[in-house]
Amino acid sequence: MEHFDSLTAAFLGALQGITEFLPVSSSAHLIVASWFFSGKALPLELNVSLHVGTFGAVLLYFRSYWWQLGNGFWRKARYGERSFSTSVLFPCLLWGSVPAALFGFFGKDLIEHFFHNPTSTLVPLAGVGIVLWLADTRAPRKRALGELKLRDGLLIGLAQACALIPGVSRSGATIIGGRLLGFKKKDAVEFSFLLGTPAMLGAALLSAKDMFAYADSPTFYLGVGVSFVSGYLTIKYFIKFLARFNFLAFAVYRLALCAVILSMITLAEV
């Protein structure tokens, strides 16, 4: 973590932990923040490394789901029992993760080359924010997570793949997908976070070799630790927030962030 001191690493870890689960695009925030601090874009490997902390956060928060899944597989192997976790949820998470895995594996270099800069985040930030608010306010609110089908998992997975472009937001894209498919807000959000778990793990494994470059740096572990704590707290309070409010605040925030980024770019060119 060459040009990042401990304070900056902690800040970036907190930024990652908060924005990974809010529909505001963690990658866009990290690109802009590191560009502001050092005059250069955050290395993609460091961006992915901070996902290790948020991966741990979502594992811990949704531990009951993972326990049910593990217990379901054990009972299926021993007694031949079928359950929602093993027969529906797991296949949906598996197939829903395929589009992002393929897009990330084959398009990693192109994404880093063309989209990892502040200017490229402007259109996705504004556009997805508006679509998120419209999808939430106008979509039907009938389906529960127990009504999940394989087709739903795959379609939401395609939305997740689009979020590899900075500014789109993984949680924003998948929540939009869930809401457009008719899932209730809470259920759409929960599936979004569950689907993000293998995506975060896969992204970290894909860049595991590059992460070793930071293995001897205390600031790396500081950033990961802070992202874990801030990520866990964000999941907890974001779900509570959505029980009372809609996504308008996040749409407004994304538009405001666009204005800030545009001002930064303009000032840098003067």
Protein backbone atom coordinates (compact mmCIF):
# COMPACT_ATOMS: atom_id res chain seq x y z
CA MET A 1 0.00 0.00 0.00
CA GLU A 2 2.78 2.25 -1.11
CA HIS A 3 1.33 5.75 -1.24
CA PHE A 4 -1.37 5.28 1.43
CA ASP A 5 -0.58 5.98 5.10
CA SER A 6 -2.49 4.45 8.02
CA LEU A 7 -5.02 7.26 8.32
CA THR A 8 -5.81 7.14 4.60
CA ALA A 9 -6.06 3.35 4.63
CA ALA A 10 -8.50 3.51 7.55
CA PHE A 11 -10.54 6.14 5.75
CA LEU A 12 -10.67 4.05 2.58
CA GLY A 13 -11.62 0.98 4.60
CA ALA A 14 -14.51 2.86 6.25
CA LEU A 15 -15.55 4.26 2.89
CA GLN A 16 -15.57 0.77 1.39
CA GLY A 17 -17.50 -0.71 4.31
CA ILE A 18 -20.20 1.95 4.19
CA THR A 19 -20.61 2.31 0.44
CA GLU A 20 -20.39 -1.40 -0.47
CA PHE A 21 -23.84 -2.03 0.96
CA LEU A 22 -25.48 1.32 0.31
CA PRO A 23 -26.67 1.84 -3.30
CA VAL A 24 -24.13 4.61 -3.97
CA SER A 25 -21.24 2.68 -5.64
CA SER A 26 -18.27 1.82 -3.43
CA SER A 27 -15.90 1.63 -6.42
CA ALA A 28 -16.79 5.16 -7.54
CA HIS A 29 -16.15 6.51 -4.03
CA LEU A 30 -12.81 4.72 -3.75
CA ILE A 31 -11.67 5.92 -7.16
CA VAL A 32 -12.60 9.52 -6.38
CA ALA A 33 -11.18 9.45 -2.84
CA SER A 34 -7.82 7.97 -3.82
CA TRP A 35 -7.60 10.33 -6.81
CA PHE A 36 -8.20 13.23 -4.43
CA PHE A 37 -5.57 12.04 -1.94
CA SER A 38 -2.79 10.99 -4.28
CA GLY A 39 -3.57 12.27 -7.74
CA LYS A 40 -3.89 8.77 -9.16
CA ALA A 41 -6.62 6.13 -9.30
CA LEU A 42 -6.76 3.44 -6.62
CA PRO A 43 -5.13 0.22 -7.90
CA LEU A 44 -7.79 -2.34 -8.80
CA GLU A 45 -6.08 -4.94 -6.60
CA LEU A 46 -6.35 -2.68 -3.53
CA ASN A 47 -9.96 -1.91 -4.41
CA VAL A 48 -10.70 -5.63 -4.45
CA SER A 49 -8.64 -6.26 -1.29
CA LEU A 50 -10.92 -4.01 0.75
CA HIS A 51 -13.78 -6.33 -0.24
CA VAL A 52 -12.27 -8.93 2.09
CA GLY A 53 -13.53 -6.91 5.04
CA THR A 54 -17.03 -6.49 3.65
CA PHE A 55 -17.08 -10.17 2.71
CA GLY A 56 -16.52 -10.99 6.38
CA ALA A 57 -19.22 -8.51 7.40
CA VAL A 58 -21.92 -10.05 5.21
CA LEU A 59 -20.91 -13.55 6.31
CA LEU A 60 -21.33 -12.58 9.94
CA TYR A 61 -24.55 -10.60 9.58
CA PHE A 62 -26.34 -13.28 7.54
CA ARG A 63 -24.85 -16.16 9.50
CA SER A 64 -28.32 -17.66 10.05
CA TYR A 65 -28.77 -18.07 6.28
CA TRP A 66 -25.37 -19.72 5.91
CA TRP A 67 -26.14 -22.00 8.86
CA GLN A 68 -29.46 -23.01 7.31
CA LEU A 69 -27.70 -23.67 4.03
CA GLY A 70 -25.02 -25.84 5.62
CA ASN A 71 -27.55 -27.68 7.77
CA GLY A 72 -29.80 -28.17 4.74
CA PHE A 73 -27.01 -29.82 2.77
CA TRP A 74 -26.15 -32.07 5.71
CA ARG A 75 -29.77 -33.18 6.12
CA LYS A 76 -30.14 -33.65 2.38
CA ALA A 77 -27.06 -35.87 2.25
CA ARG A 78 -28.09 -37.88 5.31
CA TYR A 79 -31.88 -38.02 5.07
CA GLY A 80 -32.63 -36.94 1.52
CA GLU A 81 -34.63 -33.94 2.77
CA ARG A 82 -35.37 -31.04 0.47
CA SER A 83 -35.32 -27.47 1.75
CA PHE A 84 -35.64 -23.95 0.39
CA SER A 85 -31.99 -23.27 1.19
CA THR A 86 -30.58 -26.17 -0.82
CA SER A 87 -33.18 -26.51 -3.57
CA VAL A 88 -33.85 -22.83 -4.33
CA LEU A 89 -31.59 -20.32 -2.57
CA PHE A 90 -28.27 -22.05 -3.27
CA PRO A 91 -28.93 -22.63 -7.02
CA CYS A 92 -30.09 -19.00 -7.35
CA LEU A 93 -26.93 -17.72 -5.65
CA LEU A 94 -24.79 -20.05 -7.77
CA TRP A 95 -26.29 -19.16 -11.15
CA GLY A 96 -26.74 -15.54 -10.16
CA SER A 97 -22.98 -15.29 -9.57
CA VAL A 98 -22.01 -16.61 -13.01
CA PRO A 99 -22.55 -13.39 -15.06
CA ALA A 100 -20.39 -11.24 -12.76
CA ALA A 101 -17.71 -13.95 -12.59
CA LEU A 102 -17.48 -14.18 -16.38
CA PHE A 103 -17.61 -10.42 -16.88
CA GLY A 104 -14.98 -9.87 -14.19
CA PHE A 105 -12.64 -12.59 -15.43
CA PHE A 106 -12.68 -11.65 -19.10
CA GLY A 107 -13.25 -7.90 -18.76
CA LYS A 108 -11.05 -6.97 -15.80
CA ASP A 109 -8.35 -5.22 -17.83
CA LEU A 110 -10.84 -3.36 -20.03
CA ILE A 111 -12.83 -2.18 -17.02
CA GLU A 112 -9.71 -0.91 -15.29
CA HIS A 113 -8.47 0.83 -18.44
CA PHE A 114 -11.67 2.56 -19.50
CA PHE A 115 -13.75 3.02 -16.36
CA HIS A 116 -11.46 3.42 -13.36
CA ASN A 117 -11.35 7.21 -13.40
CA PRO A 118 -13.61 9.90 -11.87
CA THR A 119 -15.06 11.10 -15.18
CA SER A 120 -16.43 7.69 -16.16
CA THR A 121 -18.47 7.44 -12.94
CA LEU A 122 -20.69 10.44 -13.68
CA VAL A 123 -23.30 8.91 -15.99
CA PRO A 124 -23.70 5.63 -14.03
CA LEU A 125 -23.98 7.50 -10.73
CA ALA A 126 -26.75 9.78 -11.97
CA GLY A 127 -28.61 7.29 -14.15
CA VAL A 128 -28.73 4.37 -11.72
CA GLY A 129 -29.75 6.66 -8.87
CA ILE A 130 -32.83 7.84 -10.75
CA VAL A 131 -33.72 4.31 -11.92
CA LEU A 132 -33.34 2.98 -8.36
CA TRP A 133 -35.82 5.50 -7.00
CA LEU A 134 -38.32 4.94 -9.83
CA ALA A 135 -38.09 1.15 -9.58
CA ASP A 136 -38.68 1.27 -5.84
CA THR A 137 -41.67 3.60 -5.99
CA ARG A 138 -43.42 2.05 -9.00
CA ALA A 139 -42.63 -1.67 -8.82
CA PRO A 140 -45.16 -4.12 -7.33
CA ARG A 141 -44.43 -5.19 -3.76
CA LYS A 142 -45.85 -8.68 -3.48
CA ARG A 143 -43.17 -11.37 -3.65
CA ALA A 144 -41.23 -12.68 -0.66
CA LEU A 145 -37.80 -14.32 -0.71
CA GLY A 146 -39.51 -17.70 -0.29
CA GLU A 147 -40.99 -17.25 -3.78
CA LEU A 148 -37.56 -16.97 -5.38
CA LYS A 149 -37.05 -18.87 -8.65
CA LEU A 150 -33.92 -19.77 -10.62
CA ARG A 151 -34.90 -17.27 -13.31
CA ASP A 152 -34.94 -14.49 -10.69
CA GLY A 153 -31.45 -15.37 -9.50
CA LEU A 154 -30.06 -15.30 -13.03
CA LEU A 155 -31.71 -11.99 -13.95
CA ILE A 156 -30.56 -10.29 -10.76
CA GLY A 157 -27.13 -11.79 -11.42
CA LEU A 158 -27.04 -10.06 -14.82
CA ALA A 159 -27.80 -6.79 -13.06
CA GLN A 160 -24.93 -7.50 -10.66
CA ALA A 161 -22.54 -7.99 -13.58
CA CYS A 162 -23.32 -4.47 -14.80
CA ALA A 163 -22.13 -3.16 -11.44
CA LEU A 164 -18.52 -4.02 -12.27
CA ILE A 165 -18.58 -0.64 -14.01
CA PRO A 166 -17.72 1.94 -11.31
CA GLY A 167 -20.62 4.23 -10.52
CA VAL A 168 -23.35 1.63 -11.10
CA SER A 169 -23.31 0.11 -7.56
CA ARG A 170 -23.61 -3.62 -6.99
CA SER A 171 -26.27 -3.28 -4.31
CA GLY A 172 -28.09 -0.63 -6.34
CA ALA A 173 -28.20 -2.77 -9.50
CA THR A 174 -29.31 -5.93 -7.71
CA ILE A 175 -31.93 -4.12 -5.62
CA ILE A 176 -33.31 -2.61 -8.83
CA GLY A 177 -33.43 -6.10 -10.33
CA GLY A 178 -35.23 -7.50 -7.33
CA ARG A 179 -37.75 -4.68 -7.16
CA LEU A 180 -38.53 -4.89 -10.89
CA LEU A 181 -39.17 -8.62 -10.43
CA GLY A 182 -41.78 -7.76 -7.81
CA PHE A 183 -39.94 -8.58 -4.58
CA LYS A 184 -40.70 -6.63 -1.43
CA LYS A 185 -38.08 -4.07 -0.49
CA LYS A 186 -36.63 -6.00 2.47
CA ASP A 187 -36.51 -9.26 0.51
CA ALA A 188 -34.87 -7.59 -2.50
CA VAL A 189 -32.23 -6.06 -0.23
CA GLU A 190 -31.52 -9.32 1.60
CA PHE A 191 -31.09 -11.27 -1.63
CA SER A 192 -28.88 -8.48 -2.95
CA PHE A 193 -26.53 -8.86 0.02
CA LEU A 194 -26.60 -12.66 -0.10
CA LEU A 195 -25.79 -12.63 -3.81
CA GLY A 196 -22.96 -10.21 -3.14
CA THR A 197 -21.22 -12.72 -0.87
CA PRO A 198 -19.88 -15.07 -3.59
CA ALA A 199 -19.19 -12.01 -5.78
CA MET A 200 -16.97 -10.47 -3.08
CA LEU A 201 -15.23 -13.77 -2.45
CA GLY A 202 -14.71 -14.36 -6.17
CA ALA A 203 -13.33 -10.86 -6.73
CA ALA A 204 -10.85 -11.31 -3.88
CA LEU A 205 -9.74 -14.73 -5.13
CA LEU A 206 -9.34 -13.38 -8.65
CA SER A 207 -6.85 -10.83 -7.38
CA ALA A 208 -5.34 -12.99 -4.63
CA LYS A 209 -1.94 -13.03 -6.30
CA ASP A 210 -1.88 -9.24 -6.53
CA MET A 211 -3.01 -8.86 -2.92
CA PHE A 212 0.14 -10.61 -1.73
CA ALA A 213 2.00 -7.43 -2.62
CA TYR A 214 0.30 -5.82 0.39
CA ALA A 215 0.61 -8.82 2.75
CA ASP A 216 3.46 -7.29 4.75
CA SER A 217 1.78 -3.89 5.12
CA PRO A 218 0.02 -3.06 8.44
CA THR A 219 -2.04 -0.43 6.63
CA PHE A 220 -3.55 -3.13 4.44
CA TYR A 221 -4.88 -5.03 7.45
CA LEU A 222 -6.05 -1.79 9.02
CA GLY A 223 -8.10 -0.98 5.92
CA VAL A 224 -9.60 -4.47 5.79
CA GLY A 225 -10.47 -4.41 9.51
CA VAL A 226 -12.14 -1.02 9.30
CA SER A 227 -14.12 -2.10 6.22
CA PHE A 228 -15.35 -5.16 8.15
CA VAL A 229 -16.65 -3.17 11.13
CA SER A 230 -18.17 -0.34 9.09
CA GLY A 231 -19.70 -2.84 6.66
CA TYR A 232 -21.43 -4.81 9.40
CA LEU A 233 -22.90 -1.68 10.99
CA THR A 234 -24.02 -0.38 7.60
CA ILE A 235 -25.97 -3.56 6.78
CA LYS A 236 -27.67 -3.45 10.17
CA TYR A 237 -28.81 0.16 10.02
CA PHE A 238 -29.51 0.25 6.28
CA ILE A 239 -32.12 -2.49 6.65
CA LYS A 240 -33.69 -0.57 9.55
CA PHE A 241 -33.68 2.63 7.49
CA LEU A 242 -35.52 0.98 4.60
CA ALA A 243 -38.28 -0.18 6.92
CA ARG A 244 -39.35 3.50 7.17
CA PHE A 245 -38.02 5.28 4.08
CA ASN A 246 -37.55 4.78 0.32
CA PHE A 247 -34.50 5.27 -1.92
CA LEU A 248 -35.05 8.95 -2.75
CA ALA A 249 -32.28 10.06 -0.40
CA PHE A 250 -29.79 7.83 -2.22
CA ALA A 251 -30.85 9.14 -5.63
CA VAL A 252 -30.35 12.72 -4.42
CA TYR A 253 -27.00 11.82 -2.89
CA ARG A 254 -25.78 10.26 -6.13
CA LEU A 255 -26.71 13.38 -8.09
CA ALA A 256 -24.96 15.57 -5.51
CA LEU A 257 -21.86 13.36 -5.74
CA CYS A 258 -21.87 13.83 -9.52
CA ALA A 259 -21.80 17.59 -8.99
CA VAL A 260 -18.87 17.27 -6.57
CA ILE A 261 -16.91 15.05 -8.95
CA LEU A 262 -17.55 17.37 -11.86
CA SER A 263 -16.34 20.32 -9.79
CA MET A 264 -13.19 18.42 -8.82
CA ILE A 265 -12.45 17.56 -12.44
CA THR A 266 -13.05 21.15 -13.56
CA LEU A 267 -10.79 22.61 -10.86
CA ALA A 268 -8.05 20.09 -11.67
CA GLU A 269 -8.05 21.21 -15.27
CA VAL A 270 -7.82 24.93 -14.48
